[in-house]
Amino acid sequence: MKNLRGKVAAITGAGSGIGQALAVSLAGLGCHVAISDNNEAGLDQTEALVASMGVKVSAVLLDVADREAVYTWAEGVVADMGQVNLIFNNAGVALSETVENMGYENFEWLMNINFWGVVYGTKAFLPYLKTAGEGHIINISSVFGMIGVPTQSAYNAAKFAVKGFTESLREEMAIEGYNINVTCVHPGGIKTNIARSGRFGDGGKAGTSDPVKAAKMFDKAARTTPDEAAQIIISGVLKNKPRVLIGADARVIDTLQRLLPTGYQDLLVWGAKRRSK
């Protein structure tokens, strides 16, 4: 898929951050977009931005953890747009808490969105991508899908799962001979609201339960804008890259994991203990 003009892209989590930037960037390339989010105000804003760019746009309030709702949305996208060529499974939430202190409710909340939302989006749209004759599935993992981090066990579990799920899917599409490409995206720190809208429990010595402090820490670490991230993702899609790293921090973490596949854990433990003193 070398040209996105006239194609149709579906995007989850399009009410802000990377999802909104993807919708605007794709529209700028002449791609029609179907957007969804559970944030009505943000969704309306994205819809207005895209509508002013001369492409078709449809917007639906959606909880990606609701399997039936995701399938209904996929069916509606094709009914409205005539086809769908790309699905960006982007919606995600954050949770910061130690394994010991984390309740199952929070764990399941995150997994239902960050992992099962990706699965539902993939399986709901796959038949329509096959019918369209060419398609691309883009699943958003994270640098935390490459390394484990204290207080991020649930987020790590979901993002590692997305990575494995997506890589397996890519292999299957190639084996079956479908004209469907698959990309796994690993963003580093992106300037979004994910930390402010996340949940924070007892982080023990390794983290903080103060949302304000956590947001400030995240803002300090996040160096890449959503617009920059969107451009990198779209470039990766057009080049049919199996994996896309976003940000210098993502490249550093990738290198660290390759050089010290278990040793990086000792570095994180050392850093956490030093900060807690």
C-alpha atoms as a PDB file:
ATOM      1  CA  MET A   1       0.000   0.000   0.000  1.00  0.00           C
ATOM      2  CA  LYS A   2       2.164   2.808  -1.325  1.00  0.00           C
ATOM      3  CA  ASN A   3      -0.562   5.444  -1.538  1.00  0.00           C
ATOM      4  CA  LEU A   4      -3.256   6.139   1.058  1.00  0.00           C
ATOM      5  CA  ARG A   5      -5.385   8.477  -1.056  1.00  0.00           C
ATOM      6  CA  GLY A   6      -8.910   7.148  -1.280  1.00  0.00           C
ATOM      7  CA  LYS A   7      -8.252   4.393   1.245  1.00  0.00           C
ATOM      8  CA  VAL A   8     -10.271   4.040   4.464  1.00  0.00           C
ATOM      9  CA  ALA A   9      -8.616   3.862   7.881  1.00  0.00           C
ATOM     10  CA  ALA A  10     -10.280   2.997  11.196  1.00  0.00           C
ATOM     11  CA  ILE A  11      -8.630   4.315  14.372  1.00  0.00           C
ATOM     12  CA  THR A  12      -9.404   3.556  18.003  1.00  0.00           C
ATOM     13  CA  GLY A  13      -8.517   6.038  20.736  1.00  0.00           C
ATOM     14  CA  ALA A  14      -8.797   8.886  18.217  1.00  0.00           C
ATOM     15  CA  GLY A  15     -10.065  11.488  20.659  1.00  0.00           C
ATOM     16  CA  SER A  16      -6.589  12.659  21.639  1.00  0.00           C
ATOM     17  CA  GLY A  17      -2.876  11.928  21.435  1.00  0.00           C
ATOM     18  CA  ILE A  18      -1.506   9.623  18.779  1.00  0.00           C
ATOM     19  CA  GLY A  19      -4.976   8.582  17.616  1.00  0.00           C
ATOM     20  CA  GLN A  20      -6.057  12.140  16.899  1.00  0.00           C
ATOM     21  CA  ALA A  21      -2.744  12.924  15.195  1.00  0.00           C
ATOM     22  CA  LEU A  22      -3.092   9.823  13.025  1.00  0.00           C
ATOM     23  CA  ALA A  23      -6.593  10.833  11.942  1.00  0.00           C
ATOM     24  CA  VAL A  24      -5.468  14.331  10.941  1.00  0.00           C
ATOM     25  CA  SER A  25      -2.286  13.128   9.231  1.00  0.00           C
ATOM     26  CA  LEU A  26      -4.088  10.417   7.274  1.00  0.00           C
ATOM     27  CA  ALA A  27      -6.773  12.876   6.191  1.00  0.00           C
ATOM     28  CA  GLY A  28      -4.004  15.154   4.948  1.00  0.00           C
ATOM     29  CA  LEU A  29      -2.937  12.313   2.653  1.00  0.00           C
ATOM     30  CA  GLY A  30      -6.451  11.971   1.240  1.00  0.00           C
ATOM     31  CA  CYS A  31      -7.378   8.958   3.378  1.00  0.00           C
ATOM     32  CA  HIS A  32     -10.947   8.695   4.660  1.00  0.00           C
ATOM     33  CA  VAL A  33     -11.135   7.961   8.379  1.00  0.00           C
ATOM     34  CA  ALA A  34     -13.486   6.215  10.785  1.00  0.00           C
ATOM     35  CA  ILE A  35     -12.664   7.226  14.331  1.00  0.00           C
ATOM     36  CA  SER A  36     -13.713   5.979  17.737  1.00  0.00           C
ATOM     37  CA  ASP A  37     -13.083   6.836  21.371  1.00  0.00           C
ATOM     38  CA  ASN A  38     -14.880   6.766  24.720  1.00  0.00           C
ATOM     39  CA  ASN A  39     -14.147  10.491  25.170  1.00  0.00           C
ATOM     40  CA  GLU A  40     -17.005  12.280  23.433  1.00  0.00           C
ATOM     41  CA  ALA A  41     -15.509  15.781  23.619  1.00  0.00           C
ATOM     42  CA  GLY A  42     -12.179  14.637  22.200  1.00  0.00           C
ATOM     43  CA  LEU A  43     -13.895  12.578  19.523  1.00  0.00           C
ATOM     44  CA  ASP A  44     -15.973  15.584  18.440  1.00  0.00           C
ATOM     45  CA  GLN A  45     -12.815  17.679  18.221  1.00  0.00           C
ATOM     46  CA  THR A  46     -11.046  15.129  16.031  1.00  0.00           C
ATOM     47  CA  GLU A  47     -14.103  14.760  13.820  1.00  0.00           C
ATOM     48  CA  ALA A  48     -14.241  18.529  13.287  1.00  0.00           C
ATOM     49  CA  LEU A  49     -10.538  18.678  12.433  1.00  0.00           C
ATOM     50  CA  VAL A  50     -10.832  15.899   9.865  1.00  0.00           C
ATOM     51  CA  ALA A  51     -14.128  17.112   8.397  1.00  0.00           C
ATOM     52  CA  SER A  52     -12.443  20.375   7.410  1.00  0.00           C
ATOM     53  CA  MET A  53      -9.900  18.500   5.285  1.00  0.00           C
ATOM     54  CA  GLY A  54     -12.206  17.316   2.517  1.00  0.00           C
ATOM     55  CA  VAL A  55     -12.314  13.588   3.273  1.00  0.00           C
ATOM     56  CA  LYS A  56     -15.068  11.360   4.599  1.00  0.00           C
ATOM     57  CA  VAL A  57     -15.173  10.925   8.360  1.00  0.00           C
ATOM     58  CA  SER A  58     -17.388   8.940  10.709  1.00  0.00           C
ATOM     59  CA  ALA A  59     -17.164   9.010  14.485  1.00  0.00           C
ATOM     60  CA  VAL A  60     -18.503   6.544  17.055  1.00  0.00           C
ATOM     61  CA  LEU A  61     -18.345   6.511  20.845  1.00  0.00           C
ATOM     62  CA  LEU A  62     -16.738   3.184  21.649  1.00  0.00           C
ATOM     63  CA  ASP A  63     -15.394   1.147  24.542  1.00  0.00           C
ATOM     64  CA  VAL A  64     -12.844  -1.176  22.916  1.00  0.00           C
ATOM     65  CA  ALA A  65     -13.235  -3.577  25.843  1.00  0.00           C
ATOM     66  CA  ASP A  66     -16.775  -4.301  24.602  1.00  0.00           C
ATOM     67  CA  ARG A  67     -16.314  -7.024  21.981  1.00  0.00           C
ATOM     68  CA  GLU A  68     -19.821  -6.798  20.562  1.00  0.00           C
ATOM     69  CA  ALA A  69     -19.540  -3.014  20.245  1.00  0.00           C
ATOM     70  CA  VAL A  70     -16.235  -3.307  18.356  1.00  0.00           C
ATOM     71  CA  TYR A  71     -17.740  -5.777  15.878  1.00  0.00           C
ATOM     72  CA  THR A  72     -20.764  -3.523  15.414  1.00  0.00           C
ATOM     73  CA  TRP A  73     -18.447  -0.582  14.768  1.00  0.00           C
ATOM     74  CA  ALA A  74     -16.468  -2.503  12.145  1.00  0.00           C
ATOM     75  CA  GLU A  75     -19.680  -3.452  10.350  1.00  0.00           C
ATOM     76  CA  GLY A  76     -20.832   0.164  10.498  1.00  0.00           C
ATOM     77  CA  VAL A  77     -17.552   1.487   9.091  1.00  0.00           C
ATOM     78  CA  VAL A  78     -17.937  -0.655   5.973  1.00  0.00           C
ATOM     79  CA  ALA A  79     -21.600   0.287   5.662  1.00  0.00           C
ATOM     80  CA  ASP A  80     -20.732   4.008   5.860  1.00  0.00           C
ATOM     81  CA  MET A  81     -17.486   4.017   3.875  1.00  0.00           C
ATOM     82  CA  GLY A  82     -17.968   1.123   1.469  1.00  0.00           C
ATOM     83  CA  GLN A  83     -14.741  -0.585   2.555  1.00  0.00           C
ATOM     84  CA  VAL A  84     -11.929  -0.430   5.088  1.00  0.00           C
ATOM     85  CA  ASN A  85      -8.223  -0.845   4.359  1.00  0.00           C
ATOM     86  CA  LEU A  86      -6.432  -0.052   7.616  1.00  0.00           C
ATOM     87  CA  ILE A  87      -7.173  -0.574  11.282  1.00  0.00           C
ATOM     88  CA  PHE A  88      -5.080   1.259  13.874  1.00  0.00           C
ATOM     89  CA  ASN A  89      -5.635  -0.433  17.249  1.00  0.00           C
ATOM     90  CA  ASN A  90      -4.382   2.506  19.262  1.00  0.00           C
ATOM     91  CA  ALA A  91      -6.649   2.918  22.316  1.00  0.00           C
ATOM     92  CA  GLY A  92      -4.892   2.392  25.630  1.00  0.00           C
ATOM     93  CA  VAL A  93      -4.828   3.234  29.326  1.00  0.00           C
ATOM     94  CA  ALA A  94      -2.191   3.306  32.070  1.00  0.00           C
ATOM     95  CA  LEU A  95      -1.960   1.670  35.480  1.00  0.00           C
ATOM     96  CA  SER A  96       0.858   2.120  37.971  1.00  0.00           C
ATOM     97  CA  GLU A  97       0.898  -0.287  40.916  1.00  0.00           C
ATOM     98  CA  THR A  98       3.001  -3.136  42.272  1.00  0.00           C
ATOM     99  CA  VAL A  99       1.949  -6.730  41.643  1.00  0.00           C
ATOM    100  CA  GLU A 100       1.537  -7.284  45.384  1.00  0.00           C
ATOM    101  CA  ASN A 101      -0.824  -4.352  45.861  1.00  0.00           C
ATOM    102  CA  MET A 102      -2.695  -4.460  42.554  1.00  0.00           C
ATOM    103  CA  GLY A 103      -6.314  -5.592  42.712  1.00  0.00           C
ATOM    104  CA  TYR A 104      -7.769  -7.806  40.005  1.00  0.00           C
ATOM    105  CA  GLU A 105     -10.282  -5.124  39.060  1.00  0.00           C
ATOM    106  CA  ASN A 106      -7.532  -2.730  37.941  1.00  0.00           C
ATOM    107  CA  PHE A 107      -5.569  -5.507  36.257  1.00  0.00           C
ATOM    108  CA  GLU A 108      -8.589  -6.685  34.274  1.00  0.00           C
ATOM    109  CA  TRP A 109      -9.577  -3.094  33.394  1.00  0.00           C
ATOM    110  CA  LEU A 110      -6.210  -2.486  31.761  1.00  0.00           C
ATOM    111  CA  MET A 111      -5.987  -5.864  30.029  1.00  0.00           C
ATOM    112  CA  ASN A 112      -9.499  -5.547  28.620  1.00  0.00           C
ATOM    113  CA  ILE A 113      -8.563  -2.282  26.924  1.00  0.00           C
ATOM    114  CA  ASN A 114      -4.873  -2.595  26.095  1.00  0.00           C
ATOM    115  CA  PHE A 115      -4.847  -6.238  25.022  1.00  0.00           C
ATOM    116  CA  TRP A 116      -8.359  -7.471  24.349  1.00  0.00           C
ATOM    117  CA  GLY A 117      -9.211  -4.199  22.617  1.00  0.00           C
ATOM    118  CA  VAL A 118      -6.408  -4.934  20.141  1.00  0.00           C
ATOM    119  CA  VAL A 119      -7.616  -8.509  19.659  1.00  0.00           C
ATOM    120  CA  TYR A 120     -11.217  -7.434  19.110  1.00  0.00           C
ATOM    121  CA  GLY A 121     -10.204  -4.694  16.675  1.00  0.00           C
ATOM    122  CA  THR A 122      -7.994  -7.070  14.716  1.00  0.00           C
ATOM    123  CA  LYS A 123     -10.515  -9.892  14.445  1.00  0.00           C
ATOM    124  CA  ALA A 124     -13.490  -7.617  13.788  1.00  0.00           C
ATOM    125  CA  PHE A 125     -11.814  -5.811  10.880  1.00  0.00           C
ATOM    126  CA  LEU A 126      -9.787  -8.674   9.365  1.00  0.00           C
ATOM    127  CA  PRO A 127     -12.610 -10.096   7.199  1.00  0.00           C
ATOM    128  CA  TYR A 128     -13.282  -6.655   5.727  1.00  0.00           C
ATOM    129  CA  LEU A 129      -9.589  -6.079   4.975  1.00  0.00           C
ATOM    130  CA  LYS A 130      -9.576  -9.381   3.076  1.00  0.00           C
ATOM    131  CA  THR A 131     -12.655  -8.335   1.134  1.00  0.00           C
ATOM    132  CA  ALA A 132     -11.047  -4.986   0.248  1.00  0.00           C
ATOM    133  CA  GLY A 133      -8.193  -6.851  -1.430  1.00  0.00           C
ATOM    134  CA  GLU A 134      -5.440  -4.997   0.385  1.00  0.00           C
ATOM    135  CA  GLY A 135      -5.123  -4.035   3.989  1.00  0.00           C
ATOM    136  CA  HIS A 136      -2.885  -3.175   6.902  1.00  0.00           C
ATOM    137  CA  ILE A 137      -3.271  -3.884  10.617  1.00  0.00           C
ATOM    138  CA  ILE A 138      -1.342  -1.569  12.927  1.00  0.00           C
ATOM    139  CA  ASN A 139      -1.234  -2.522  16.600  1.00  0.00           C
ATOM    140  CA  ILE A 140       0.233  -0.148  19.165  1.00  0.00           C
ATOM    141  CA  SER A 141       2.463  -1.824  21.720  1.00  0.00           C
ATOM    142  CA  SER A 142       5.062   0.202  23.655  1.00  0.00           C
ATOM    143  CA  VAL A 143       8.699   0.236  24.700  1.00  0.00           C
ATOM    144  CA  PHE A 144       7.180  -1.447  27.760  1.00  0.00           C
ATOM    145  CA  GLY A 145       6.407  -4.283  25.369  1.00  0.00           C
ATOM    146  CA  MET A 146      10.170  -4.834  25.149  1.00  0.00           C
ATOM    147  CA  ILE A 147      11.315  -4.464  28.773  1.00  0.00           C
ATOM    148  CA  GLY A 148       9.673  -4.995  32.135  1.00  0.00           C
ATOM    149  CA  VAL A 149       9.467  -2.002  34.483  1.00  0.00           C
ATOM    150  CA  PRO A 150       8.626  -1.849  38.220  1.00  0.00           C
ATOM    151  CA  THR A 151       4.988  -0.868  38.958  1.00  0.00           C
ATOM    152  CA  GLN A 152       4.087  -1.471  35.298  1.00  0.00           C
ATOM    153  CA  SER A 153       3.420  -5.205  35.402  1.00  0.00           C
ATOM    154  CA  ALA A 154      -0.124  -4.965  34.025  1.00  0.00           C
ATOM    155  CA  TYR A 155       0.900  -2.526  31.295  1.00  0.00           C
ATOM    156  CA  ASN A 156       3.950  -4.687  30.511  1.00  0.00           C
ATOM    157  CA  ALA A 157       1.801  -7.809  30.339  1.00  0.00           C
ATOM    158  CA  ALA A 158      -0.618  -6.198  27.886  1.00  0.00           C
ATOM    159  CA  LYS A 159       2.040  -4.648  25.671  1.00  0.00           C
ATOM    160  CA  PHE A 160       4.213  -7.773  25.582  1.00  0.00           C
ATOM    161  CA  ALA A 161       1.046  -9.673  24.626  1.00  0.00           C
ATOM    162  CA  VAL A 162       0.280  -7.205  21.840  1.00  0.00           C
ATOM    163  CA  LYS A 163       3.801  -7.690  20.476  1.00  0.00           C
ATOM    164  CA  GLY A 164       3.536 -11.475  20.412  1.00  0.00           C
ATOM    165  CA  PHE A 165       0.004 -11.428  19.042  1.00  0.00           C
ATOM    166  CA  THR A 166       0.955  -9.016  16.256  1.00  0.00           C
ATOM    167  CA  GLU A 167       4.132 -10.808  15.208  1.00  0.00           C
ATOM    168  CA  SER A 168       2.275 -14.120  15.031  1.00  0.00           C
ATOM    169  CA  LEU A 169      -0.493 -12.486  13.004  1.00  0.00           C
ATOM    170  CA  ARG A 170       1.993 -11.070  10.507  1.00  0.00           C
ATOM    171  CA  GLU A 171       3.466 -14.514   9.965  1.00  0.00           C
ATOM    172  CA  GLU A 172       0.030 -16.051   9.462  1.00  0.00           C
ATOM    173  CA  MET A 173      -0.990 -13.433   6.899  1.00  0.00           C
ATOM    174  CA  ALA A 174       2.182 -14.147   4.915  1.00  0.00           C
ATOM    175  CA  ILE A 175       1.709 -17.918   5.108  1.00  0.00           C
ATOM    176  CA  GLU A 176      -1.916 -17.698   3.974  1.00  0.00           C
ATOM    177  CA  GLY A 177      -0.927 -15.394   1.119  1.00  0.00           C
ATOM    178  CA  TYR A 178      -3.346 -12.613   2.061  1.00  0.00           C
ATOM    179  CA  ASN A 179      -2.520  -9.128   0.824  1.00  0.00           C
ATOM    180  CA  ILE A 180      -2.640  -7.836   4.393  1.00  0.00           C
ATOM    181  CA  ASN A 181       0.395  -6.326   6.070  1.00  0.00           C
ATOM    182  CA  VAL A 182       0.865  -6.130   9.836  1.00  0.00           C
ATOM    183  CA  THR A 183       2.902  -3.674  11.884  1.00  0.00           C
ATOM    184  CA  CYS A 184       3.682  -3.540  15.604  1.00  0.00           C
ATOM    185  CA  VAL A 185       4.453  -0.054  16.942  1.00  0.00           C
ATOM    186  CA  HIS A 186       6.619   0.596  20.007  1.00  0.00           C
ATOM    187  CA  PRO A 187       6.360   4.233  21.106  1.00  0.00           C
ATOM    188  CA  GLY A 188       8.673   5.654  23.726  1.00  0.00           C
ATOM    189  CA  GLY A 189       7.543   8.653  25.767  1.00  0.00           C
ATOM    190  CA  ILE A 190       4.840  10.506  23.804  1.00  0.00           C
ATOM    191  CA  LYS A 191       3.353  13.778  25.014  1.00  0.00           C
ATOM    192  CA  THR A 192      -0.200  12.510  25.596  1.00  0.00           C
ATOM    193  CA  ASN A 193      -2.693  12.493  28.462  1.00  0.00           C
ATOM    194  CA  ILE A 194      -2.313   8.772  29.181  1.00  0.00           C
ATOM    195  CA  ALA A 195      -0.639   9.354  32.562  1.00  0.00           C
ATOM    196  CA  ARG A 196      -3.273  11.887  33.655  1.00  0.00           C
ATOM    197  CA  SER A 197      -6.135   9.565  32.771  1.00  0.00           C
ATOM    198  CA  GLY A 198      -4.516   6.460  34.221  1.00  0.00           C
ATOM    199  CA  ARG A 199      -4.990   4.736  37.549  1.00  0.00           C
ATOM    200  CA  PHE A 200      -2.452   4.849  40.366  1.00  0.00           C
ATOM    201  CA  GLY A 201      -2.253   2.486  43.298  1.00  0.00           C
ATOM    202  CA  ASP A 202       0.423   1.701  45.867  1.00  0.00           C
ATOM    203  CA  GLY A 203       3.706   1.747  43.992  1.00  0.00           C
ATOM    204  CA  GLY A 204       5.768   0.695  46.985  1.00  0.00           C
ATOM    205  CA  LYS A 205       9.382   1.878  46.957  1.00  0.00           C
ATOM    206  CA  ALA A 206       9.533   1.769  43.160  1.00  0.00           C
ATOM    207  CA  GLY A 207       6.790   4.248  42.271  1.00  0.00           C
ATOM    208  CA  THR A 208       4.289   6.845  43.409  1.00  0.00           C
ATOM    209  CA  SER A 209       0.563   6.803  44.083  1.00  0.00           C
ATOM    210  CA  ASP A 210       0.352  10.580  43.549  1.00  0.00           C
ATOM    211  CA  PRO A 211      -1.217  11.212  40.099  1.00  0.00           C
ATOM    212  CA  VAL A 212       0.094  14.779  39.948  1.00  0.00           C
ATOM    213  CA  LYS A 213       3.661  13.718  40.670  1.00  0.00           C
ATOM    214  CA  ALA A 214       3.372  10.844  38.224  1.00  0.00           C
ATOM    215  CA  ALA A 215       2.089  13.157  35.476  1.00  0.00           C
ATOM    216  CA  LYS A 216       5.014  15.525  36.027  1.00  0.00           C
ATOM    217  CA  MET A 217       7.464  12.646  35.833  1.00  0.00           C
ATOM    218  CA  PHE A 218       5.831  11.426  32.635  1.00  0.00           C
ATOM    219  CA  ASP A 219       5.873  14.889  31.057  1.00  0.00           C
ATOM    220  CA  LYS A 220       9.580  15.181  31.814  1.00  0.00           C
ATOM    221  CA  ALA A 221      10.316  11.842  30.143  1.00  0.00           C
ATOM    222  CA  ALA A 222       7.992  12.274  27.138  1.00  0.00           C
ATOM    223  CA  ARG A 223      10.002  13.921  24.379  1.00  0.00           C
ATOM    224  CA  THR A 224       8.045  13.050  21.222  1.00  0.00           C
ATOM    225  CA  THR A 225       4.870  14.846  20.121  1.00  0.00           C
ATOM    226  CA  PRO A 226       1.804  12.936  18.877  1.00  0.00           C
ATOM    227  CA  ASP A 227       2.207  14.571  15.461  1.00  0.00           C
ATOM    228  CA  GLU A 228       5.778  13.308  15.202  1.00  0.00           C
ATOM    229  CA  ALA A 229       4.653   9.855  16.305  1.00  0.00           C
ATOM    230  CA  ALA A 230       1.878   9.790  13.708  1.00  0.00           C
ATOM    231  CA  GLN A 231       4.282  10.700  10.907  1.00  0.00           C
ATOM    232  CA  ILE A 232       6.685   7.930  11.936  1.00  0.00           C
ATOM    233  CA  ILE A 233       3.869   5.369  12.089  1.00  0.00           C
ATOM    234  CA  ILE A 234       2.473   6.320   8.684  1.00  0.00           C
ATOM    235  CA  SER A 235       5.951   6.218   7.164  1.00  0.00           C
ATOM    236  CA  GLY A 236       6.379   2.730   8.601  1.00  0.00           C
ATOM    237  CA  VAL A 237       3.043   1.643   7.158  1.00  0.00           C
ATOM    238  CA  LEU A 238       3.930   2.904   3.685  1.00  0.00           C
ATOM    239  CA  LYS A 239       7.248   1.038   3.895  1.00  0.00           C
ATOM    240  CA  ASN A 240       5.517  -2.084   5.241  1.00  0.00           C
ATOM    241  CA  LYS A 241       7.777  -2.239   8.272  1.00  0.00           C
ATOM    242  CA  PRO A 242       7.016  -5.128  10.623  1.00  0.00           C
ATOM    243  CA  ARG A 243       8.122  -3.047  13.602  1.00  0.00           C
ATOM    244  CA  VAL A 244       8.205   0.707  14.209  1.00  0.00           C
ATOM    245  CA  LEU A 245      10.151   2.337  17.040  1.00  0.00           C
ATOM    246  CA  ILE A 246       9.157   5.882  17.984  1.00  0.00           C
ATOM    247  CA  GLY A 247      11.618   8.231  19.652  1.00  0.00           C
ATOM    248  CA  ALA A 248      15.265   8.169  20.638  1.00  0.00           C
ATOM    249  CA  ASP A 249      14.269   6.625  23.966  1.00  0.00           C
ATOM    250  CA  ALA A 250      12.672   3.697  22.144  1.00  0.00           C
ATOM    251  CA  ARG A 251      15.860   3.092  20.180  1.00  0.00           C
ATOM    252  CA  VAL A 252      17.966   3.270  23.363  1.00  0.00           C
ATOM    253  CA  ILE A 253      15.681   0.819  25.168  1.00  0.00           C
ATOM    254  CA  ASP A 254      15.711  -1.532  22.185  1.00  0.00           C
ATOM    255  CA  THR A 255      19.516  -1.482  22.170  1.00  0.00           C
ATOM    256  CA  LEU A 256      19.682  -1.943  25.947  1.00  0.00           C
ATOM    257  CA  GLN A 257      17.420  -4.974  25.795  1.00  0.00           C
ATOM    258  CA  ARG A 258      19.481  -6.512  23.011  1.00  0.00           C
ATOM    259  CA  LEU A 259      22.816  -5.952  24.813  1.00  0.00           C
ATOM    260  CA  LEU A 260      21.580  -6.751  28.325  1.00  0.00           C
ATOM    261  CA  PRO A 261      18.535  -9.016  27.925  1.00  0.00           C
ATOM    262  CA  THR A 262      18.419  -9.689  31.674  1.00  0.00           C
ATOM    263  CA  GLY A 263      21.049  -7.271  32.965  1.00  0.00           C
ATOM    264  CA  TYR A 264      18.838  -4.244  32.278  1.00  0.00           C
ATOM    265  CA  GLN A 265      16.672  -5.411  35.180  1.00  0.00           C
ATOM    266  CA  ASP A 266      19.543  -4.899  37.603  1.00  0.00           C
ATOM    267  CA  LEU A 267      19.949  -1.351  36.291  1.00  0.00           C
ATOM    268  CA  LEU A 268      16.252  -0.610  36.879  1.00  0.00           C
ATOM    269  CA  VAL A 269      16.384  -2.050  40.395  1.00  0.00           C
ATOM    270  CA  TRP A 270      19.472   0.053  41.175  1.00  0.00           C
ATOM    271  CA  GLY A 271      17.795   3.194  39.867  1.00  0.00           C
ATOM    272  CA  ALA A 272      14.581   2.577  41.791  1.00  0.00           C
ATOM    273  CA  LYS A 273      16.427   1.976  45.061  1.00  0.00           C
ATOM    274  CA  ARG A 274      18.498   5.117  44.546  1.00  0.00           C
ATOM    275  CA  ARG A 275      15.370   7.262  43.959  1.00  0.00           C
ATOM    276  CA  SER A 276      13.614   5.836  47.029  1.00  0.00           C
ATOM    277  CA  LYS A 277      16.399   6.876  49.432  1.00  0.00           C
END
